[in-house]
Structure formats: C-alpha cells, structure tokens
C-alpha cells in the first residue's frame, strides 16, 4: 500500500535544489502540490487583544504541511471554547518542495530502474523550514483566556516533530 513516508525521513533541513539539465524543460520544477494548510489567520481578525502567546521551536527542523495543518486544527478546536475571541496565526509557511525517488521491489526490479544515479525524484509534498527560536503558531487573546491557549498548545505539541516551548508576551 502506497502512503506517506514517516516524518523522520524529512526532518533535517536541506538546501533547496533544482536540477541542472542541458534540456530546458527538465531544468526546473514544473509543479508543486498545493499546501494542506487551510487557513493562516482565524478567529476575530479586527479586535485588538492585550496578550500574545507563541509556540516557538527549540530546534532547527523541517515540518511538513500536513503536520502544520493537523496542529492548527487541534488548536482551533480547543480555542472554539472562547467564542471567536482570539486571533490564531500560522507563522510557518510551507515553501520547500519534498522529493521522493520511488524504488521498485520484487523480482526483476533491478532491470527496471536506475537506482540513485541522476535521481531527482517526484515532488510529494511541501515543508516549512523552521530555525531554532522561530515562532510556529501565534495566538492573540485577552489575558483572562491564557489557560485555554496553553492547553491548546500542549495538545498541538504532540502533532509537531520538534521540541517546542511556549512564550507569553503582554502587549503594551
């Protein structure tokens, strides 16, 4: 059954690469799949809040777009208890194309493929490259609703492949 490779295959940050070919049509990436992140800003976008809480990555990591969307859904579901009295922002934008060189297995597979020789791979997804100390999610709320956001971030940490910390900042 074909499926998604484990996240550990794509955690390390790698340099974006474009193949170099003597044929123009093969020298660039033609199409990338659409990102699975549905919304980057949710909640009440016009109201001004007095507290901002950030989910910050502790390590340099590459996070796939389906992991970001999964964590966003968990946070939004927990914050629905506030009756739209929040502003959730997704700060990590998946822009890095993830490639996969499919390998055949079974009898006769060695005669049907070239292995890793000149391999470029097909684009299978997108990822956001996050540096240590960068904000992944940011929530603007009133100070009274702080505990609800902290619980939401605690649930979302398990969806992300990195160690994260929570930073609370009061706006002046």
Protein backbone atom coordinates (compact mmCIF):
# COMPACT_ATOMS: atom_id res chain seq x y z
CA UNK A 1 0.00 0.00 0.00
CA UNK A 2 1.44 3.34 -1.02
CA UNK A 3 1.31 6.01 1.63
CA UNK A 4 3.09 8.82 3.33
CA UNK A 5 6.65 8.20 4.43
CA UNK A 6 7.40 8.70 8.14
CA UNK A 7 8.16 12.26 9.23
CA UNK A 8 11.68 11.29 10.32
CA UNK A 9 12.60 10.98 6.63
CA UNK A 10 12.17 14.74 6.15
CA UNK A 11 13.15 16.33 9.50
CA UNK A 12 16.63 17.51 8.54
CA UNK A 13 16.83 20.91 6.86
CA UNK A 14 18.25 20.53 3.40
CA UNK A 15 19.18 23.12 0.81
CA UNK A 16 16.54 23.68 -1.91
CA UNK A 17 17.82 22.03 -5.05
CA UNK A 18 16.89 22.49 -8.70
CA UNK A 19 18.19 20.02 -11.19
CA UNK A 20 20.58 21.23 -13.82
CA UNK A 21 19.95 19.79 -17.23
CA UNK A 22 21.01 20.57 -20.76
CA UNK A 23 17.32 20.32 -21.71
CA UNK A 24 15.36 23.40 -20.67
CA UNK A 25 12.12 21.53 -19.93
CA UNK A 26 13.92 19.32 -17.38
CA UNK A 27 15.88 22.10 -15.66
CA UNK A 28 13.17 23.30 -13.27
CA UNK A 29 10.38 22.03 -11.07
CA UNK A 30 7.20 22.27 -13.14
CA UNK A 31 4.54 21.95 -10.47
CA UNK A 32 4.28 21.56 -6.75
CA UNK A 33 1.29 20.12 -4.90
CA UNK A 34 -0.97 22.59 -3.12
CA UNK A 35 -0.33 23.09 0.58
CA UNK A 36 -2.70 21.38 3.01
CA UNK A 37 -2.78 24.35 5.40
CA UNK A 38 -6.34 25.63 5.00
CA UNK A 39 -6.14 28.99 6.83
CA UNK A 40 -3.26 31.08 8.11
CA UNK A 41 -5.41 33.57 10.09
CA UNK A 42 -8.52 32.51 12.02
CA UNK A 43 -10.70 33.95 14.74
CA UNK A 44 -11.50 37.64 15.23
CA UNK A 45 -9.12 39.48 12.91
CA UNK A 46 -10.28 43.04 13.71
CA UNK A 47 -10.27 43.12 17.51
CA UNK A 48 -7.14 44.20 19.39
CA UNK A 49 -6.03 41.88 22.18
CA UNK A 50 -3.71 42.56 25.10
CA UNK A 51 -1.78 39.26 25.22
CA UNK A 52 0.13 37.25 22.63
CA UNK A 53 1.18 33.63 23.19
CA UNK A 54 3.63 31.97 20.78
CA UNK A 55 4.57 28.35 20.17
CA UNK A 56 8.32 28.50 19.50
CA UNK A 57 10.54 25.77 18.05
CA UNK A 58 13.61 24.83 20.09
CA UNK A 59 15.47 23.17 17.19
CA UNK A 60 16.19 23.66 13.51
CA UNK A 61 13.68 21.42 11.75
CA UNK A 62 11.64 20.89 8.65
CA UNK A 63 7.89 20.50 9.31
CA UNK A 64 5.63 19.01 6.64
CA UNK A 65 2.46 20.84 5.67
CA UNK A 66 0.18 18.05 6.90
CA UNK A 67 1.74 18.27 10.39
CA UNK A 68 1.20 22.04 10.47
CA UNK A 69 -2.43 21.64 9.41
CA UNK A 70 -3.01 18.89 11.98
CA UNK A 71 -1.64 21.06 14.80
CA UNK A 72 -3.66 24.06 13.56
CA UNK A 73 -6.88 22.02 13.65
CA UNK A 74 -6.20 20.88 17.22
CA UNK A 75 -5.51 24.44 18.37
CA UNK A 76 -8.59 25.84 16.60
CA UNK A 77 -10.82 23.13 18.06
CA UNK A 78 -9.62 23.90 21.60
CA UNK A 79 -9.95 27.67 21.07
CA UNK A 80 -13.56 27.40 19.87
CA UNK A 81 -14.50 27.44 23.57
CA UNK A 82 -13.58 31.16 23.54
CA UNK A 83 -16.39 32.00 21.06
CA UNK A 84 -14.13 33.58 18.41
CA UNK A 85 -12.48 35.85 20.99
CA UNK A 86 -8.97 35.07 19.71
CA UNK A 87 -6.73 35.54 16.66
CA UNK A 88 -4.74 32.47 15.62
CA UNK A 89 -1.88 32.94 13.16
CA UNK A 90 0.15 30.21 11.45
CA UNK A 91 3.65 31.70 11.11
CA UNK A 92 5.29 28.71 9.40
CA UNK A 93 4.75 28.77 5.64
CA UNK A 94 5.48 25.52 3.75
CA UNK A 95 7.54 26.56 0.75
CA UNK A 96 10.16 23.80 0.46
CA UNK A 97 9.39 21.03 -2.04
CA UNK A 98 9.94 17.49 -0.73
CA UNK A 99 11.06 14.98 -3.33
CA UNK A 100 10.93 11.21 -3.27
CA UNK A 101 12.74 8.78 -5.56
CA UNK A 102 10.46 5.74 -5.65
CA UNK A 103 12.24 2.42 -5.64
CA UNK A 104 10.78 -0.77 -7.06
CA UNK A 105 10.97 -4.01 -5.15
CA UNK A 106 10.39 -7.58 -6.13
CA UNK A 107 11.63 -9.89 -8.86
CA UNK A 108 13.12 -8.12 -11.86
CA UNK A 109 13.09 -4.69 -10.23
CA UNK A 110 16.83 -4.28 -10.74
CA UNK A 111 16.34 -4.21 -14.52
CA UNK A 112 13.57 -1.59 -14.43
CA UNK A 113 15.16 1.36 -12.67
CA UNK A 114 18.42 3.26 -12.43
CA UNK A 115 18.60 3.49 -8.63
CA UNK A 116 20.03 6.75 -7.30
CA UNK A 117 22.01 7.56 -10.43
CA UNK A 118 20.99 11.07 -11.55
CA UNK A 119 17.94 10.88 -9.33
CA UNK A 120 15.85 13.95 -8.74
CA UNK A 121 12.59 12.44 -7.53
CA UNK A 122 8.97 13.46 -7.82
CA UNK A 123 7.57 16.24 -5.64
CA UNK A 124 5.42 14.56 -2.99
CA UNK A 125 4.72 17.40 -0.58
CA UNK A 126 5.73 20.73 0.90
CA UNK A 127 7.53 21.60 4.13
CA UNK A 128 8.32 24.67 6.21
CA UNK A 129 11.92 25.13 7.25
CA UNK A 130 12.00 26.37 10.84
CA UNK A 131 15.07 27.65 12.67
CA UNK A 132 15.57 27.42 16.42
CA UNK A 133 13.69 30.22 18.17
CA UNK A 134 11.25 30.80 15.31
CA UNK A 135 7.53 31.10 16.01
CA UNK A 136 5.34 28.36 14.54
CA UNK A 137 1.93 29.48 15.87
CA UNK A 138 0.86 32.74 17.47
CA UNK A 139 -2.40 33.42 19.33
CA UNK A 140 -3.63 36.88 20.33
CA UNK A 141 -6.08 36.81 23.25
CA UNK A 142 -7.27 38.65 26.33
CA UNK A 143 -5.26 37.89 29.47
CA UNK A 144 -8.19 36.07 31.12
CA UNK A 145 -8.18 33.32 28.45
CA UNK A 146 -4.50 32.41 28.83
CA UNK A 147 -5.04 28.92 30.27
CA UNK A 148 -7.21 27.81 27.32
CA UNK A 149 -4.42 28.70 24.87
CA UNK A 150 -1.77 26.95 26.98
CA UNK A 151 -3.89 23.77 26.95
CA UNK A 152 -4.34 24.07 23.18
CA UNK A 153 -0.59 24.43 22.62
CA UNK A 154 0.09 21.45 24.89
CA UNK A 155 -2.17 19.31 22.68
CA UNK A 156 -0.59 20.65 19.48
CA UNK A 157 2.99 19.88 20.59
CA UNK A 158 2.42 16.17 20.02
CA UNK A 159 1.46 16.82 16.38
CA UNK A 160 4.73 18.59 15.56
CA UNK A 161 8.05 16.76 15.01
CA UNK A 162 10.08 19.22 17.09
CA UNK A 163 10.51 20.21 20.71
CA UNK A 164 8.57 23.40 21.33
CA UNK A 165 8.24 25.96 24.09
CA UNK A 166 5.54 28.50 24.89
CA UNK A 167 6.34 32.22 25.08
CA UNK A 168 3.88 34.68 26.61
CA UNK A 169 4.12 38.39 25.76
CA UNK A 170 1.84 41.13 27.06
CA UNK A 171 1.21 43.97 24.63
CA UNK A 172 1.69 47.50 25.88
